[in-house]
Amino acid sequence: MQFNISTLIPVIVGIALLLLSIRLLLRRAMIGTVIRALVGLVLLLGSVFCFLGALDLLTYRQLLQEEPVVTLQFEKLKTQTYRVILVDSRGHQYRYHLKGDQWQLDARLIRWHPSLANVGFGSLYRLERISGRYSDFRQEMSGERTVHQLERSPYAVDTWVWLKQLPWLREWVDAQYGSATFMPMANGAVFEVKLGFAGLVARPVNSAGKQAVSGWQ
């Protein structure tokens, strides 16, 4: 696991809040006992939130440069039904069924302000979902849709959503989606998806994939 200072900050804040909450909760002075207890509990909850946020950030991977994140191989099962074998950058393999004529991959991106990036806050990403789409608009509106979530946080705190919802953080961090453009599904086609600072880019890597893209565009 690559070290990223952005995962260390909430841990430090959480430890500070935890120590302060323990200090307040253990004080035995009579005056203001209830107030101190309430403040201590709030700080304790804040420290738990920070720890869970740090753990959630650990489910993201550090983006150092444009790098391959997944390869996808398609097998046609029947008309507009495909099995896709997805292999991520860690070598983990997953199999999904997709309906339609095209596919799209989405990822969550967290980018920091350049001043933070210069002191070690690396950009982060986590694969979000893969989905199928029909070429025909009417079929897209009424046909069976297939969407599969790829990765999720096992913790109750969703740091990515939290970063998006706090206006005062928008100057320092950009939490957004990166999506590969819809690409055609075809029997035997293999695609490589790379992620750079501009987002996801999908390219065919074998003759079946190149033929599918050539006939589709």
C-alpha atoms as a PDB file:
ATOM      1  CA  MET A   1       0.000   0.000   0.000  1.00  0.00           C
ATOM      2  CA  GLN A   2       1.462   3.371  -1.046  1.00  0.00           C
ATOM      3  CA  PHE A   3       1.766   6.048   1.629  1.00  0.00           C
ATOM      4  CA  ASN A   4      -0.296   9.170   1.091  1.00  0.00           C
ATOM      5  CA  ILE A   5      -0.248  12.047   3.546  1.00  0.00           C
ATOM      6  CA  SER A   6      -3.941  12.722   2.871  1.00  0.00           C
ATOM      7  CA  THR A   7      -4.808   9.576   4.847  1.00  0.00           C
ATOM      8  CA  LEU A   8      -2.615  10.694   7.758  1.00  0.00           C
ATOM      9  CA  ILE A   9      -4.351  14.036   8.402  1.00  0.00           C
ATOM     10  CA  PRO A  10      -7.710  12.615   9.605  1.00  0.00           C
ATOM     11  CA  VAL A  11      -5.817  10.155  11.826  1.00  0.00           C
ATOM     12  CA  ILE A  12      -3.914  12.995  13.528  1.00  0.00           C
ATOM     13  CA  VAL A  13      -7.117  15.032  13.960  1.00  0.00           C
ATOM     14  CA  GLY A  14      -8.907  11.954  15.280  1.00  0.00           C
ATOM     15  CA  ILE A  15      -6.191  11.266  17.857  1.00  0.00           C
ATOM     16  CA  ALA A  16      -6.263  14.899  19.018  1.00  0.00           C
ATOM     17  CA  LEU A  17     -10.049  14.846  19.386  1.00  0.00           C
ATOM     18  CA  LEU A  18      -9.921  11.491  21.158  1.00  0.00           C
ATOM     19  CA  LEU A  19      -7.364  12.681  23.720  1.00  0.00           C
ATOM     20  CA  LEU A  20      -9.281  15.904  24.328  1.00  0.00           C
ATOM     21  CA  SER A  21     -12.578  14.043  24.749  1.00  0.00           C
ATOM     22  CA  ILE A  22     -11.010  11.598  27.229  1.00  0.00           C
ATOM     23  CA  ARG A  23      -9.554  14.496  29.220  1.00  0.00           C
ATOM     24  CA  LEU A  24     -12.936  16.229  29.429  1.00  0.00           C
ATOM     25  CA  LEU A  25     -14.874  13.069  30.248  1.00  0.00           C
ATOM     26  CA  LEU A  26     -12.518  12.060  33.069  1.00  0.00           C
ATOM     27  CA  ARG A  27     -12.468  15.401  34.854  1.00  0.00           C
ATOM     28  CA  ARG A  28     -14.390  15.237  38.123  1.00  0.00           C
ATOM     29  CA  ALA A  29     -14.973  18.918  38.907  1.00  0.00           C
ATOM     30  CA  MET A  30     -18.620  19.515  39.807  1.00  0.00           C
ATOM     31  CA  ILE A  31     -19.078  22.821  37.930  1.00  0.00           C
ATOM     32  CA  GLY A  32     -19.959  22.272  34.317  1.00  0.00           C
ATOM     33  CA  THR A  33     -19.813  18.468  34.539  1.00  0.00           C
ATOM     34  CA  VAL A  34     -22.754  17.960  32.216  1.00  0.00           C
ATOM     35  CA  ILE A  35     -21.475  20.489  29.677  1.00  0.00           C
ATOM     36  CA  ARG A  36     -18.002  18.944  29.704  1.00  0.00           C
ATOM     37  CA  ALA A  37     -19.505  15.494  29.296  1.00  0.00           C
ATOM     38  CA  LEU A  38     -21.551  16.597  26.303  1.00  0.00           C
ATOM     39  CA  VAL A  39     -18.587  18.352  24.686  1.00  0.00           C
ATOM     40  CA  GLY A  40     -16.431  15.318  25.390  1.00  0.00           C
ATOM     41  CA  LEU A  41     -18.956  13.022  23.733  1.00  0.00           C
ATOM     42  CA  VAL A  42     -19.136  15.294  20.675  1.00  0.00           C
ATOM     43  CA  LEU A  43     -15.353  15.285  20.403  1.00  0.00           C
ATOM     44  CA  LEU A  44     -15.315  11.521  20.845  1.00  0.00           C
ATOM     45  CA  LEU A  45     -17.788  11.128  17.983  1.00  0.00           C
ATOM     46  CA  GLY A  46     -15.678  13.507  15.906  1.00  0.00           C
ATOM     47  CA  SER A  47     -12.586  11.405  16.488  1.00  0.00           C
ATOM     48  CA  VAL A  48     -14.453   8.249  15.464  1.00  0.00           C
ATOM     49  CA  PHE A  49     -15.640  10.021  12.301  1.00  0.00           C
ATOM     50  CA  CYS A  50     -12.056  11.041  11.456  1.00  0.00           C
ATOM     51  CA  PHE A  51     -10.726   7.510  11.994  1.00  0.00           C
ATOM     52  CA  LEU A  52     -13.448   6.048   9.767  1.00  0.00           C
ATOM     53  CA  GLY A  53     -12.725   8.719   7.159  1.00  0.00           C
ATOM     54  CA  ALA A  54      -9.041   7.764   7.157  1.00  0.00           C
ATOM     55  CA  LEU A  55      -9.957   4.089   6.756  1.00  0.00           C
ATOM     56  CA  ASP A  56     -12.286   4.989   3.882  1.00  0.00           C
ATOM     57  CA  LEU A  57      -9.470   6.881   2.120  1.00  0.00           C
ATOM     58  CA  LEU A  58      -7.327   3.733   2.373  1.00  0.00           C
ATOM     59  CA  THR A  59      -9.811   2.010   0.031  1.00  0.00           C
ATOM     60  CA  TYR A  60      -8.671   4.463  -2.675  1.00  0.00           C
ATOM     61  CA  ARG A  61      -5.487   3.968  -4.693  1.00  0.00           C
ATOM     62  CA  GLN A  62      -2.875   6.631  -5.296  1.00  0.00           C
ATOM     63  CA  LEU A  63      -2.654   8.044  -8.817  1.00  0.00           C
ATOM     64  CA  LEU A  64       0.966   8.856  -9.615  1.00  0.00           C
ATOM     65  CA  GLN A  65       0.709   9.292 -13.396  1.00  0.00           C
ATOM     66  CA  GLU A  66      -1.369   7.967 -16.278  1.00  0.00           C
ATOM     67  CA  GLU A  67      -1.549   4.269 -15.541  1.00  0.00           C
ATOM     68  CA  PRO A  68      -3.650   1.247 -16.568  1.00  0.00           C
ATOM     69  CA  VAL A  69      -6.380   0.524 -14.043  1.00  0.00           C
ATOM     70  CA  VAL A  70      -8.327  -2.343 -15.670  1.00  0.00           C
ATOM     71  CA  THR A  71      -8.501  -4.566 -18.720  1.00  0.00           C
ATOM     72  CA  LEU A  72     -11.854  -5.821 -19.960  1.00  0.00           C
ATOM     73  CA  GLN A  73     -12.507  -8.847 -22.151  1.00  0.00           C
ATOM     74  CA  PHE A  74     -15.958  -9.437 -23.655  1.00  0.00           C
ATOM     75  CA  GLU A  75     -17.662 -12.689 -24.562  1.00  0.00           C
ATOM     76  CA  LYS A  76     -20.980 -12.620 -26.399  1.00  0.00           C
ATOM     77  CA  LEU A  77     -23.547 -14.933 -24.795  1.00  0.00           C
ATOM     78  CA  LYS A  78     -26.525 -13.980 -26.956  1.00  0.00           C
ATOM     79  CA  THR A  79     -27.916 -10.933 -28.719  1.00  0.00           C
ATOM     80  CA  GLN A  80     -27.097  -7.829 -26.658  1.00  0.00           C
ATOM     81  CA  THR A  81     -25.890  -9.943 -23.725  1.00  0.00           C
ATOM     82  CA  TYR A  82     -22.183 -10.174 -22.868  1.00  0.00           C
ATOM     83  CA  ARG A  83     -19.974 -11.594 -20.164  1.00  0.00           C
ATOM     84  CA  VAL A  84     -17.169  -9.207 -19.257  1.00  0.00           C
ATOM     85  CA  ILE A  85     -14.013 -10.346 -17.461  1.00  0.00           C
ATOM     86  CA  LEU A  86     -12.535  -7.378 -15.598  1.00  0.00           C
ATOM     87  CA  VAL A  87      -8.966  -7.548 -14.268  1.00  0.00           C
ATOM     88  CA  ASP A  88      -7.846  -4.619 -12.093  1.00  0.00           C
ATOM     89  CA  SER A  89      -4.347  -3.252 -11.491  1.00  0.00           C
ATOM     90  CA  ARG A  90      -3.866  -5.591  -8.515  1.00  0.00           C
ATOM     91  CA  GLY A  91      -4.559  -8.662 -10.642  1.00  0.00           C
ATOM     92  CA  HIS A  92      -8.001  -9.318  -9.157  1.00  0.00           C
ATOM     93  CA  GLN A  93     -10.457 -10.795 -11.652  1.00  0.00           C
ATOM     94  CA  TYR A  94     -14.210 -10.194 -11.701  1.00  0.00           C
ATOM     95  CA  ARG A  95     -16.979 -11.417 -14.018  1.00  0.00           C
ATOM     96  CA  TYR A  96     -20.172  -9.551 -14.837  1.00  0.00           C
ATOM     97  CA  HIS A  97     -23.038  -9.782 -17.301  1.00  0.00           C
ATOM     98  CA  LEU A  98     -23.915  -6.663 -19.284  1.00  0.00           C
ATOM     99  CA  LYS A  99     -26.950  -5.982 -21.456  1.00  0.00           C
ATOM    100  CA  GLY A 100     -26.809  -3.709 -24.468  1.00  0.00           C
ATOM    101  CA  ASP A 101     -24.373  -2.691 -27.188  1.00  0.00           C
ATOM    102  CA  GLN A 102     -21.917  -0.458 -25.312  1.00  0.00           C
ATOM    103  CA  TRP A 103     -20.192  -0.299 -21.939  1.00  0.00           C
ATOM    104  CA  GLN A 104     -18.910   2.443 -19.647  1.00  0.00           C
ATOM    105  CA  LEU A 105     -16.598   2.409 -16.635  1.00  0.00           C
ATOM    106  CA  ASP A 106     -16.787   5.055 -13.877  1.00  0.00           C
ATOM    107  CA  ALA A 107     -14.328   5.900 -11.120  1.00  0.00           C
ATOM    108  CA  ARG A 108     -14.233   8.294  -8.186  1.00  0.00           C
ATOM    109  CA  LEU A 109     -11.386  10.819  -8.266  1.00  0.00           C
ATOM    110  CA  ILE A 110      -9.980  12.942  -5.448  1.00  0.00           C
ATOM    111  CA  ARG A 111      -7.563  15.675  -6.529  1.00  0.00           C
ATOM    112  CA  TRP A 112      -5.895  18.116  -4.154  1.00  0.00           C
ATOM    113  CA  HIS A 113      -4.946  21.758  -4.609  1.00  0.00           C
ATOM    114  CA  PRO A 114      -1.406  22.108  -6.092  1.00  0.00           C
ATOM    115  CA  SER A 115      -0.102  23.582  -2.824  1.00  0.00           C
ATOM    116  CA  LEU A 116      -1.229  20.421  -1.007  1.00  0.00           C
ATOM    117  CA  ALA A 117      -0.007  18.148  -3.793  1.00  0.00           C
ATOM    118  CA  ASN A 118       3.467  19.686  -3.429  1.00  0.00           C
ATOM    119  CA  VAL A 119       3.665  18.530   0.202  1.00  0.00           C
ATOM    120  CA  GLY A 120       2.589  14.960  -0.436  1.00  0.00           C
ATOM    121  CA  PHE A 121      -1.185  14.921  -0.974  1.00  0.00           C
ATOM    122  CA  GLY A 122      -1.398  12.515  -3.903  1.00  0.00           C
ATOM    123  CA  SER A 123      -4.442  12.198  -6.163  1.00  0.00           C
ATOM    124  CA  LEU A 124      -6.608   9.185  -5.336  1.00  0.00           C
ATOM    125  CA  TYR A 125      -9.067   7.030  -7.237  1.00  0.00           C
ATOM    126  CA  ARG A 126     -11.471   4.163  -6.669  1.00  0.00           C
ATOM    127  CA  LEU A 127     -13.361   2.213  -9.325  1.00  0.00           C
ATOM    128  CA  GLU A 128     -17.082   2.899  -8.989  1.00  0.00           C
ATOM    129  CA  ARG A 129     -19.219   0.958 -11.484  1.00  0.00           C
ATOM    130  CA  ILE A 130     -19.487  -0.628 -14.912  1.00  0.00           C
ATOM    131  CA  SER A 131     -22.673  -0.337 -16.939  1.00  0.00           C
ATOM    132  CA  GLY A 132     -24.196  -1.350 -20.256  1.00  0.00           C
ATOM    133  CA  ARG A 133     -26.107   0.827 -22.700  1.00  0.00           C
ATOM    134  CA  TYR A 134     -28.217   0.271 -25.807  1.00  0.00           C
ATOM    135  CA  SER A 135     -27.431   2.084 -29.046  1.00  0.00           C
ATOM    136  CA  ASP A 136     -31.104   2.577 -29.867  1.00  0.00           C
ATOM    137  CA  PHE A 137     -32.627   5.425 -27.847  1.00  0.00           C
ATOM    138  CA  ARG A 138     -36.044   3.775 -27.505  1.00  0.00           C
ATOM    139  CA  GLN A 139     -34.485   0.537 -26.295  1.00  0.00           C
ATOM    140  CA  GLU A 140     -32.330   2.483 -23.869  1.00  0.00           C
ATOM    141  CA  MET A 141     -35.476   3.974 -22.358  1.00  0.00           C
ATOM    142  CA  SER A 142     -37.369   0.687 -22.003  1.00  0.00           C
ATOM    143  CA  GLY A 143     -34.796  -2.130 -22.121  1.00  0.00           C
ATOM    144  CA  GLU A 144     -33.244  -4.011 -19.194  1.00  0.00           C
ATOM    145  CA  ARG A 145     -30.455  -1.974 -17.643  1.00  0.00           C
ATOM    146  CA  THR A 146     -27.345  -3.542 -16.106  1.00  0.00           C
ATOM    147  CA  VAL A 147     -25.110  -1.640 -13.671  1.00  0.00           C
ATOM    148  CA  HIS A 148     -22.569  -3.288 -11.338  1.00  0.00           C
ATOM    149  CA  GLN A 149     -20.806  -1.593  -8.438  1.00  0.00           C
ATOM    150  CA  LEU A 150     -17.111  -2.459  -8.516  1.00  0.00           C
ATOM    151  CA  GLU A 151     -15.652  -1.205  -5.235  1.00  0.00           C
ATOM    152  CA  ARG A 152     -17.157   0.246  -2.084  1.00  0.00           C
ATOM    153  CA  SER A 153     -16.033   1.316   1.353  1.00  0.00           C
ATOM    154  CA  PRO A 154     -16.730  -1.203   4.144  1.00  0.00           C
ATOM    155  CA  TYR A 155     -17.058   1.699   6.580  1.00  0.00           C
ATOM    156  CA  ALA A 156     -20.043   3.886   7.448  1.00  0.00           C
ATOM    157  CA  VAL A 157     -18.280   7.120   6.437  1.00  0.00           C
ATOM    158  CA  ASP A 158     -18.163   8.069   2.741  1.00  0.00           C
ATOM    159  CA  THR A 159     -15.304  10.578   2.622  1.00  0.00           C
ATOM    160  CA  TRP A 160     -15.779  11.321  -1.086  1.00  0.00           C
ATOM    161  CA  VAL A 161     -19.375  12.498  -0.551  1.00  0.00           C
ATOM    162  CA  TRP A 162     -18.304  14.448   2.548  1.00  0.00           C
ATOM    163  CA  LEU A 163     -15.606  16.270   0.547  1.00  0.00           C
ATOM    164  CA  LYS A 164     -18.148  17.190  -2.153  1.00  0.00           C
ATOM    165  CA  GLN A 165     -20.720  18.563   0.311  1.00  0.00           C
ATOM    166  CA  LEU A 166     -18.497  20.959   2.265  1.00  0.00           C
ATOM    167  CA  PRO A 167     -18.250  24.227   0.267  1.00  0.00           C
ATOM    168  CA  TRP A 168     -15.215  25.530   2.160  1.00  0.00           C
ATOM    169  CA  LEU A 169     -13.216  22.476   1.057  1.00  0.00           C
ATOM    170  CA  ARG A 170     -13.814  22.949  -2.671  1.00  0.00           C
ATOM    171  CA  GLU A 171     -10.899  25.358  -2.946  1.00  0.00           C
ATOM    172  CA  TRP A 172      -8.544  22.673  -1.640  1.00  0.00           C
ATOM    173  CA  VAL A 173      -9.901  19.387  -2.948  1.00  0.00           C
ATOM    174  CA  ASP A 174     -11.825  18.312  -6.035  1.00  0.00           C
ATOM    175  CA  ALA A 175     -13.940  15.161  -5.623  1.00  0.00           C
ATOM    176  CA  GLN A 176     -15.519  14.142  -8.914  1.00  0.00           C
ATOM    177  CA  TYR A 177     -16.386  11.289 -11.256  1.00  0.00           C
ATOM    178  CA  GLY A 178     -14.123  10.206 -14.073  1.00  0.00           C
ATOM    179  CA  SER A 179     -15.809   8.217 -16.839  1.00  0.00           C
ATOM    180  CA  ALA A 180     -14.515   6.339 -19.832  1.00  0.00           C
ATOM    181  CA  THR A 181     -16.506   7.197 -22.954  1.00  0.00           C
ATOM    182  CA  PHE A 182     -19.058   4.587 -23.995  1.00  0.00           C
ATOM    183  CA  MET A 183     -17.319   1.904 -26.059  1.00  0.00           C
ATOM    184  CA  PRO A 184     -18.816  -0.943 -28.110  1.00  0.00           C
ATOM    185  CA  MET A 185     -19.138  -4.484 -26.798  1.00  0.00           C
ATOM    186  CA  ALA A 186     -18.092  -7.246 -29.200  1.00  0.00           C
ATOM    187  CA  ASN A 187     -17.258 -10.930 -28.922  1.00  0.00           C
ATOM    188  CA  GLY A 188     -13.560 -11.399 -28.091  1.00  0.00           C
ATOM    189  CA  ALA A 189     -12.861  -7.667 -27.787  1.00  0.00           C
ATOM    190  CA  VAL A 190     -10.299  -6.603 -25.190  1.00  0.00           C
ATOM    191  CA  PHE A 191      -9.990  -3.036 -23.910  1.00  0.00           C
ATOM    192  CA  GLU A 192      -7.493  -1.349 -21.610  1.00  0.00           C
ATOM    193  CA  VAL A 193      -8.629   1.556 -19.452  1.00  0.00           C
ATOM    194  CA  LYS A 194      -6.042   4.057 -18.253  1.00  0.00           C
ATOM    195  CA  LEU A 195      -6.542   6.774 -15.692  1.00  0.00           C
ATOM    196  CA  GLY A 196      -4.727  10.077 -15.839  1.00  0.00           C
ATOM    197  CA  PHE A 197      -5.304  13.482 -14.288  1.00  0.00           C
ATOM    198  CA  ALA A 198      -7.863  14.214 -17.031  1.00  0.00           C
ATOM    199  CA  GLY A 199      -9.918  11.109 -16.243  1.00  0.00           C
ATOM    200  CA  LEU A 200     -10.439   7.641 -17.711  1.00  0.00           C
ATOM    201  CA  VAL A 201      -9.458   6.717 -21.262  1.00  0.00           C
ATOM    202  CA  ALA A 202     -10.426   3.381 -22.887  1.00  0.00           C
ATOM    203  CA  ARG A 203      -8.572   1.883 -25.855  1.00  0.00           C
ATOM    204  CA  PRO A 204      -8.932  -1.423 -27.732  1.00  0.00           C
ATOM    205  CA  VAL A 205      -5.849  -3.645 -27.472  1.00  0.00           C
ATOM    206  CA  ASN A 206      -6.652  -6.549 -29.823  1.00  0.00           C
ATOM    207  CA  SER A 207      -7.968  -6.940 -33.358  1.00  0.00           C
ATOM    208  CA  ALA A 208     -11.531  -7.736 -32.244  1.00  0.00           C
ATOM    209  CA  GLY A 209     -11.647  -4.585 -30.132  1.00  0.00           C
ATOM    210  CA  LYS A 210     -10.128  -2.399 -32.848  1.00  0.00           C
ATOM    211  CA  GLN A 211     -12.552  -3.791 -35.418  1.00  0.00           C
ATOM    212  CA  ALA A 212     -15.498  -3.115 -33.090  1.00  0.00           C
ATOM    213  CA  VAL A 213     -14.385   0.496 -32.566  1.00  0.00           C
ATOM    214  CA  SER A 214     -13.675   0.997 -36.252  1.00  0.00           C
ATOM    215  CA  GLY A 215     -17.128  -0.223 -37.284  1.00  0.00           C
ATOM    216  CA  TRP A 216     -18.835   1.734 -34.499  1.00  0.00           C
ATOM    217  CA  GLN A 217     -17.410   5.212 -35.056  1.00  0.00           C
END
